[in-house]
Protein backbone atom coordinates (compact mmCIF):
# COMPACT_ATOMS: atom_id res chain seq x y z
CA MET A 1 83.94 71.44 96.71
CA LEU A 2 84.03 69.33 93.51
CA ILE A 3 87.13 67.27 92.76
CA THR A 4 88.07 67.67 89.09
CA SER A 5 90.97 66.43 86.96
CA GLU A 6 92.33 70.00 86.74
CA LEU A 7 92.39 70.20 90.51
CA ALA A 8 93.50 66.67 91.37
CA GLN A 9 96.14 65.80 88.75
CA PRO A 10 98.71 68.40 89.92
CA ILE A 11 98.30 67.01 93.44
CA ILE A 12 98.97 63.48 92.16
CA GLY A 13 102.08 64.78 90.39
CA LYS A 14 103.43 66.17 93.66
CA ILE A 15 102.75 63.10 95.80
CA ALA A 16 103.32 60.05 93.54
CA LYS A 17 107.09 60.52 93.20
CA VAL A 18 107.52 60.71 96.97
CA ALA A 19 105.16 57.81 97.77
CA GLY A 20 106.67 55.53 95.13
CA ARG A 21 103.27 53.92 94.51
CA ASN A 22 100.42 54.30 92.06
CA ILE A 23 97.90 56.78 93.44
CA ASN A 24 94.36 57.52 92.27
CA ILE A 25 91.92 60.25 93.20
CA MET A 26 88.23 59.57 92.59
CA ASP A 27 85.38 62.06 92.58
CA ALA A 28 82.04 61.75 94.40
CA ASP A 29 80.73 59.42 91.67
CA GLY A 30 83.66 57.02 92.02
CA VAL A 31 85.24 58.05 88.71
CA ILE A 32 89.06 58.22 88.64
CA VAL A 33 89.77 61.88 87.82
CA ALA A 34 93.53 61.80 88.48
CA SER A 35 96.08 59.02 88.57
CA SER A 36 99.79 58.36 88.30
CA ASP A 37 98.70 55.66 85.82
CA SER A 38 97.20 57.75 83.02
CA GLU A 39 95.39 54.76 81.48
CA ARG A 40 93.10 54.51 84.51
CA ILE A 41 91.77 58.07 84.29
CA HIS A 42 87.99 58.28 83.62
CA GLN A 43 87.46 54.64 84.70
CA VAL A 44 84.82 53.87 87.32
CA HIS A 45 86.31 52.54 90.58
CA GLN A 46 83.90 50.24 92.43
CA GLY A 47 85.90 50.47 95.65
CA ALA A 48 85.56 54.27 95.61
CA ILE A 49 81.79 53.97 95.15
CA GLU A 50 81.62 51.82 98.29
CA VAL A 51 83.74 54.31 100.19
CA MET A 52 81.34 57.13 99.24
CA GLU A 53 78.31 55.05 100.25
CA MET A 54 79.75 53.94 103.61
CA LYS A 55 81.80 57.09 104.20
CA SER A 56 84.57 54.89 105.53
CA GLU A 57 87.75 53.21 104.33
CA ARG A 58 87.76 50.23 101.96
CA LEU A 59 90.65 47.77 101.82
CA ILE A 60 90.78 45.66 98.67
CA TYR A 61 92.72 42.40 98.73
CA PRO A 62 93.87 40.48 95.59
CA SER A 63 91.11 37.89 96.03
CA GLU A 64 88.40 40.58 95.70
CA CYS A 65 89.58 42.37 92.57
CA GLY A 66 87.68 40.13 90.17
CA ASN A 67 84.38 41.06 91.81
CA LEU A 68 84.97 44.85 91.91
CA MET A 69 84.93 46.82 88.67
CA GLY A 70 88.01 48.90 87.89
CA THR A 71 89.92 47.98 91.03
CA LYS A 72 93.35 46.71 91.99
CA PRO A 73 94.60 45.57 95.40
CA GLY A 74 95.11 48.53 97.70
CA VAL A 75 93.65 50.95 100.22
CA ASN A 76 90.87 53.46 99.50
CA LEU A 77 90.18 56.21 102.00
CA PRO A 78 87.51 58.96 102.04
CA ILE A 79 88.59 62.53 101.29
CA LEU A 80 86.90 64.76 103.85
CA TYR A 81 86.34 68.50 103.61
CA LEU A 82 84.37 70.29 106.34
CA ASN A 83 83.31 66.85 107.62
CA GLU A 84 81.79 66.00 104.25
CA CYS A 85 83.01 63.14 102.04
CA ILE A 86 83.82 64.68 98.64
CA GLY A 87 85.87 61.90 97.04
CA THR A 88 88.29 59.04 97.55
CA VAL A 89 92.04 58.60 97.46
CA GLY A 90 93.39 55.16 96.61
CA ILE A 91 96.88 53.70 96.66
CA THR A 92 97.77 50.44 94.88
CA GLY A 93 99.51 47.58 96.73
CA ASP A 94 99.11 45.06 99.50
CA PRO A 95 96.81 46.76 102.05
CA LYS A 96 99.06 45.64 104.91
CA GLU A 97 102.06 47.32 103.27
CA VAL A 98 100.49 50.51 101.97
CA TYR A 99 97.93 51.40 104.64
CA ASN A 100 100.20 53.84 106.50
CA ILE A 101 101.34 55.41 103.25
CA ALA A 102 97.68 55.74 102.17
CA SER A 103 96.83 57.52 105.44
CA ILE A 104 99.63 60.02 104.90
CA VAL A 105 98.57 60.54 101.28
CA LYS A 106 94.95 61.11 102.39
CA ILE A 107 96.01 63.81 104.89
CA THR A 108 98.23 65.43 102.28
CA VAL A 109 95.50 65.44 99.63
CA GLU A 110 92.99 66.94 102.07
CA ALA A 111 95.49 69.64 103.07
CA LEU A 112 96.28 70.52 99.45
CA LEU A 113 92.58 70.63 98.54
CA GLN A 114 91.89 72.92 101.49
CA GLN A 115 94.81 75.14 100.49
CA HIS A 116 93.46 75.32 96.95
CA TYR A 117 89.98 76.18 98.20
CA LEU A 118 91.23 78.89 100.57
CA SER A 119 93.44 80.29 97.82
CA GLY A 120 90.41 80.46 95.54
CA GLN A 121 88.39 82.19 98.26
CA LEU A 122 91.21 84.69 98.81
CA ASN A 123 91.46 85.43 95.10
CA GLN A 124 87.71 85.91 94.92
CA LYS A 125 87.79 88.34 97.84
CA ARG A 126 90.67 90.24 96.25
CA LYS A 127 88.66 90.52 93.04
CA VAL A 128 85.67 91.93 94.91
CA ILE A 129 87.91 94.39 96.78
CA GLN A 130 89.57 95.43 93.53
CA GLU A 131 86.21 96.11 91.86
CA TRP A 132 85.19 98.18 94.90
CA ALA A 133 88.51 100.06 94.92
CA LEU A 134 88.31 100.84 91.19
CA ASP A 135 84.84 102.32 91.68
CA LEU A 136 86.03 104.23 94.75
CA VAL A 137 88.79 106.03 92.82
CA ASN A 138 86.70 106.52 89.66
CA PRO A 139 85.50 110.17 89.70
CA HIS A 140 82.60 109.27 87.39
CA PHE A 141 81.22 106.66 89.78
CA THR A 142 78.92 108.58 92.14
CA ASN A 143 76.74 105.84 93.63
CA PHE A 144 78.13 106.29 97.14
CA ILE A 145 75.30 104.26 98.71
CA ASP A 146 76.37 101.26 96.62
CA LEU A 147 80.01 101.76 97.64
CA GLU A 148 78.95 101.94 101.29
CA LYS A 149 76.91 98.71 101.07
CA ARG A 150 79.77 96.85 99.39
CA ALA A 151 82.16 98.16 102.04
CA GLU A 152 79.87 96.71 104.73
CA PHE A 153 79.85 93.36 102.89
CA LEU A 154 83.67 93.43 102.87
CA LYS A 155 83.67 94.15 106.64
CA MET A 156 85.08 97.66 106.12
CA ASN A 157 83.96 100.23 108.67
CA THR A 158 83.92 103.52 106.74
CA ALA A 159 83.30 105.42 109.99
CA GLN A 160 86.92 104.52 110.82
CA LEU A 161 89.56 107.11 109.97
CA CYS A 162 91.87 105.81 107.24
CA THR A 163 94.96 107.15 105.53
CA PHE A 164 95.38 106.17 101.89
CA VAL A 165 98.82 105.31 100.55
CA LEU A 166 99.27 105.05 96.79
CA VAL A 167 102.28 103.14 95.46
CA GLU A 168 103.42 103.39 91.84
CA VAL A 169 105.85 100.80 90.51
CA GLY A 170 107.51 102.75 87.71
CA ASP A 171 109.12 100.00 85.65
CA PHE A 172 106.32 97.48 86.11
CA THR A 173 104.73 97.55 82.68
CA ASN A 174 107.98 98.27 80.84
CA LYS A 175 109.73 95.16 82.13
CA THR A 176 106.66 92.95 82.48
CA SER A 177 104.89 92.31 79.21
CA ILE A 178 103.76 88.72 79.77
CA TYR A 179 100.47 88.41 81.67
CA ASP A 180 101.66 85.50 83.86
CA GLU A 181 104.80 87.40 84.82
CA LEU A 182 102.79 90.51 85.62
CA SER A 183 100.37 88.51 87.78
CA GLU A 184 103.27 86.84 89.57
CA LYS A 185 104.86 90.19 90.45
CA GLN A 186 101.54 91.64 91.55
CA GLU A 187 101.00 88.60 93.76
CA ARG A 188 104.48 89.01 95.23
CA ILE A 189 103.77 92.63 96.13
CA LEU A 190 100.41 91.77 97.70
CA GLN A 191 102.07 89.05 99.77
CA LEU A 192 104.82 91.38 100.96
CA MET A 193 102.45 94.19 101.91
CA SER A 194 99.93 91.92 103.63
CA LEU A 195 102.64 90.03 105.53
CA TYR A 196 104.66 92.98 106.80
CA PHE A 197 102.18 95.85 107.06
CA THR A 198 98.62 94.44 107.57
CA PRO A 199 96.72 97.26 105.87
CA HIS A 200 92.98 97.83 106.34
CA PHE A 201 92.75 96.84 102.70
CA ILE A 202 95.04 96.65 99.67
CA SER A 203 94.26 96.47 95.97
CA PHE A 204 95.82 96.99 92.58
CA ILE A 205 93.99 99.76 90.72
CA GLY A 206 96.06 99.45 87.56
CA LYS A 207 99.00 97.46 86.25
CA ASP A 208 101.55 99.73 87.91
CA GLN A 209 99.64 101.20 90.88
CA PHE A 210 98.26 99.72 94.05
CA MET A 211 96.48 101.38 96.91
CA MET A 212 96.60 100.65 100.61
CA ALA A 213 94.54 102.05 103.47
CA PHE A 214 95.69 102.13 107.07
CA GLN A 215 93.39 102.72 110.01
CA ASP A 216 94.34 105.81 111.98
CA LYS A 217 93.44 105.77 115.66
CA ASN A 218 95.42 108.89 116.53
CA ASN A 219 93.98 111.11 113.76
CA HIS A 220 96.44 112.74 111.38
CA ASP A 221 99.52 111.02 112.77
CA LEU A 222 101.85 112.19 109.99
CA ILE A 223 105.06 110.87 111.55
CA LYS A 224 103.66 107.36 112.05
CA ILE A 225 102.21 106.98 108.56
CA ARG A 226 105.27 108.49 106.91
CA HIS A 227 107.55 106.07 108.73
CA LEU A 228 105.31 103.21 107.64
CA SER A 229 105.44 104.39 104.02
CA GLU A 230 109.23 104.64 104.17
CA ARG A 231 109.36 101.01 105.27
CA ILE A 232 107.09 100.02 102.38
CA TYR A 233 109.41 101.90 100.02
CA GLU A 234 112.51 100.15 101.35
CA LYS A 235 110.86 96.73 101.26
CA LEU A 236 109.91 97.13 97.59
CA ARG A 237 113.28 98.66 96.66
CA ASN A 238 114.94 95.59 98.17
CA GLU A 239 112.82 93.55 95.74
CA HIS A 240 114.30 95.66 92.91
CA PHE A 241 111.12 97.63 92.16
CA ASP A 242 111.36 101.27 91.10
CA VAL A 243 108.87 102.92 93.44
CA CYS A 244 107.37 106.26 94.41
CA ILE A 245 104.72 106.68 97.11
CA GLY A 246 102.09 109.34 97.71
CA ILE A 247 100.27 109.71 101.04
CA GLY A 248 96.88 111.33 101.58
CA THR A 249 95.41 112.74 104.77
CA SER A 250 93.42 110.77 107.32
CA LYS A 251 89.70 110.76 106.50
CA LYS A 252 86.51 108.75 107.01
CA THR A 253 83.38 107.98 104.94
CA ILE A 254 83.40 106.95 101.29
CA ILE A 255 83.72 110.55 100.11
CA GLY A 256 86.62 111.12 102.52
CA TYR A 257 88.36 107.94 101.32
CA ARG A 258 88.16 109.14 97.72
CA GLU A 259 89.59 112.51 98.75
CA SER A 260 92.50 110.85 100.57
CA TYR A 261 93.22 108.79 97.46
CA LYS A 262 93.16 111.92 95.27
CA GLU A 263 95.65 113.60 97.60
CA ALA A 264 97.97 110.58 97.46
CA SER A 265 97.63 110.53 93.67
CA GLN A 266 98.48 114.24 93.42
CA SER A 267 101.55 113.70 95.59
CA ILE A 268 102.88 111.06 93.16
CA LYS A 269 102.05 113.34 90.24
CA ILE A 270 104.17 116.14 91.73
CA ILE A 271 107.07 113.78 92.50
CA LYS A 272 107.15 112.75 88.84
CA LYS A 273 106.51 116.24 87.50
CA LEU A 274 109.45 117.71 89.44
CA ASN A 275 111.62 114.59 89.26
CA TYR A 276 111.81 115.09 93.01
CA PRO A 277 114.66 113.27 94.79
CA LYS A 278 112.42 112.14 97.65
CA LYS A 279 110.17 109.33 96.48
CA VAL A 280 107.88 109.18 99.51
CA MET A 281 105.81 112.32 100.11
CA HIS A 282 102.76 113.17 102.20
CA ILE A 283 100.46 115.70 100.55
CA HIS A 284 100.96 118.12 103.47
CA GLU A 285 104.70 118.17 102.88
CA TRP A 286 104.25 119.93 99.52
CA GLY A 287 102.88 123.11 101.09
CA ILE A 288 102.13 125.73 98.44
CA THR A 289 103.40 123.40 95.71
CA ARG A 290 100.17 121.38 95.82
CA ILE A 291 98.28 124.59 94.98
CA LEU A 292 100.70 125.54 92.20
CA ASP A 293 100.21 122.09 90.70
CA LYS A 294 96.56 122.98 90.07
CA ILE A 295 97.42 126.05 87.97
CA PRO A 296 96.47 125.60 84.28
CA GLU A 297 99.38 124.88 81.95
CA GLU A 298 98.65 127.89 79.71
CA PHE A 299 98.99 130.30 82.66
CA MET A 300 102.11 128.51 83.87
CA ASN A 301 103.80 128.87 80.46
CA SER A 302 102.79 132.52 80.20
CA TYR A 303 104.09 133.35 83.69
CA PHE A 304 107.29 131.39 83.13
CA ASN A 305 108.07 133.21 79.85
CA GLU A 306 107.23 136.61 81.32
CA PHE A 307 109.43 136.04 84.36
CA SER A 308 112.28 134.69 82.23
CA HIS A 309 112.29 137.81 80.05
CA GLN A 310 112.29 140.09 83.09
CA SER A 311 115.25 138.33 84.78
CA SER A 312 118.72 139.37 83.75
CA SER A 313 119.98 135.77 83.63
CA TYR A 314 119.39 132.21 84.83
CA LEU A 315 120.74 131.15 88.18
CA ASP A 316 123.61 128.72 88.29
CA SER A 317 123.03 125.44 90.14
CA GLU A 318 124.67 126.70 93.34
CA LEU A 319 122.45 129.77 93.58
CA GLN A 320 119.34 127.80 92.64
CA ASP A 321 120.03 125.07 95.22
CA THR A 322 120.61 127.68 97.92
CA LEU A 323 117.43 129.55 97.02
CA GLU A 324 115.34 126.36 96.98
CA MET A 325 116.71 125.28 100.35
CA PHE A 326 116.10 128.76 101.84
CA LEU A 327 112.50 128.80 100.63
CA ASP A 328 111.85 125.23 101.81
CA LEU A 329 113.18 126.10 105.27
CA ASP A 330 110.79 129.02 105.78
CA LEU A 331 113.32 131.75 104.94
CA ASN A 332 115.64 130.70 107.78
CA VAL A 333 119.28 131.61 106.98
CA GLU A 334 120.69 129.69 109.96
CA LEU A 335 118.98 126.41 109.06
CA THR A 336 119.89 126.84 105.40
CA SER A 337 123.58 127.28 106.22
CA LYS A 338 123.51 124.13 108.38
CA GLN A 339 121.78 122.09 105.69
CA LEU A 340 124.23 123.23 103.02
CA ASN A 341 127.19 123.04 105.40
CA VAL A 342 128.32 126.59 104.60
CA HIS A 343 128.72 129.79 106.64
CA ARG A 344 125.60 131.93 107.09
CA ASN A 345 127.43 134.82 105.41
CA THR A 346 127.81 132.61 102.33
CA VAL A 347 124.05 132.04 102.30
CA ASN A 348 123.40 135.80 102.64
CA TYR A 349 125.84 136.51 99.80
CA ARG A 350 124.10 134.05 97.49
CA LEU A 351 120.65 135.41 98.35
CA ASP A 352 121.88 138.94 97.60
CA LYS A 353 123.19 137.64 94.29
CA VAL A 354 119.71 136.30 93.48
CA LYS A 355 118.29 139.74 94.26
CA GLN A 356 120.80 141.40 91.90
CA LEU A 357 120.09 138.98 89.05
CA TRP A 358 116.31 138.76 89.32
CA GLY A 359 115.31 141.94 91.13
CA LEU A 360 113.45 139.99 93.83
CA ASN A 361 114.54 139.79 97.46
CA PRO A 362 114.18 136.20 98.78
CA LYS A 363 113.95 137.57 102.34
CA ARG A 364 110.76 139.48 101.59
CA PHE A 365 107.58 137.40 101.78
CA ASN A 366 105.91 138.61 98.56
CA ASP A 367 109.13 138.26 96.57
CA ALA A 368 109.76 134.84 98.11
CA VAL A 369 106.32 133.67 96.96
CA GLN A 370 107.05 134.80 93.39
CA LEU A 371 110.41 133.03 93.46
CA LYS A 372 108.78 129.87 94.79
CA ILE A 373 106.24 129.92 91.95
CA PHE A 374 108.91 130.52 89.33
CA LEU A 375 111.17 127.74 90.63
CA PHE A 376 108.23 125.32 90.50
CA PHE A 377 107.51 126.25 86.89
CA LEU A 378 111.22 126.13 86.08
CA LYS A 379 111.50 122.56 87.39
CA ILE A 380 108.52 121.45 85.35
CA ASN A 381 109.94 123.09 82.23
CA GLU A 382 113.37 121.50 82.75
CA ASN A 383 111.88 118.03 83.24
CA ARG A 384 109.63 118.46 80.22
CA ASN A 385 112.58 119.43 78.02
CA ALA A 386 114.67 116.57 79.41
CA THR A 387 111.89 114.10 78.58
CA VAL A 388 111.55 115.46 75.06
């Protein structure tokens, strides 16, 4: 590690006010690179040179100052990092009075330098992970051998089953236009997720999306991963982020990881497309909807218009809510009545009303499938019009 002015001066700023003494930090060549006395910066400090040569402390008394270039009375101690002397910290004053203070300052400087180094290492690792993650989710990047080698370098075992969770922070870019503010919020999210959830890996893959992978020892444990995702949602909502979360299935290998990501991405896409009230959804929870989402827009519009012309009228909100609940609950009248808190006869009456208006019986499988398709297209059309 090299001690530079950019690195050392902020440390001086933090310590000098507390110590109440003039403090200098010298690099490996004995040059003062940071000081609470700005006039001394860039001067050569003879005492620091001796410290570097002897790799031990150097006390300078008033009687010696005239013989040592650039020095004042005080204590100079070696700055050690990984048992290597990388510089010197000096504090001005009578050595007998300031020695203890100098020792504390030395320990503090070494701790802050180590923190800075580790922070730099962490940021570098995050950058490497982010580059790997961006290539992983890029459909045009097909060098899977390269992805596998980089995963090994990052200590990722791709033979391990992983579930991918994609988190989209909806108001991120709208409310965060300044780069520093954006970086600060991204850092806050990374800290929260790493502290509370310890994912296999985590990375931003865009300004408003980040991806997490969780190792899955039990294989396809939907309840466990959904509960975990709900906690992530609540944690970010408590930080005032507008969030929706998509969850893929548990897979292994680089190709499997990309597939799990694509599933999580599709889940978020459907949440937004339908303006769905639930903001945390596993891809399996969508059922047939995930297939309908793949239907080309031209066919969807054609089917929607054809169905609309055939129906005698639109359903009111009560009938539509009942129909949606009935279809979501596998055509179970009893469960639907409990969910809606109405009598089962009320549910049957409303379903019969749907049959009268649209000519399709929700209790028949083929008709129920057609109704499910139409309701999906209807939701998309309503949200599109609302956005326009």
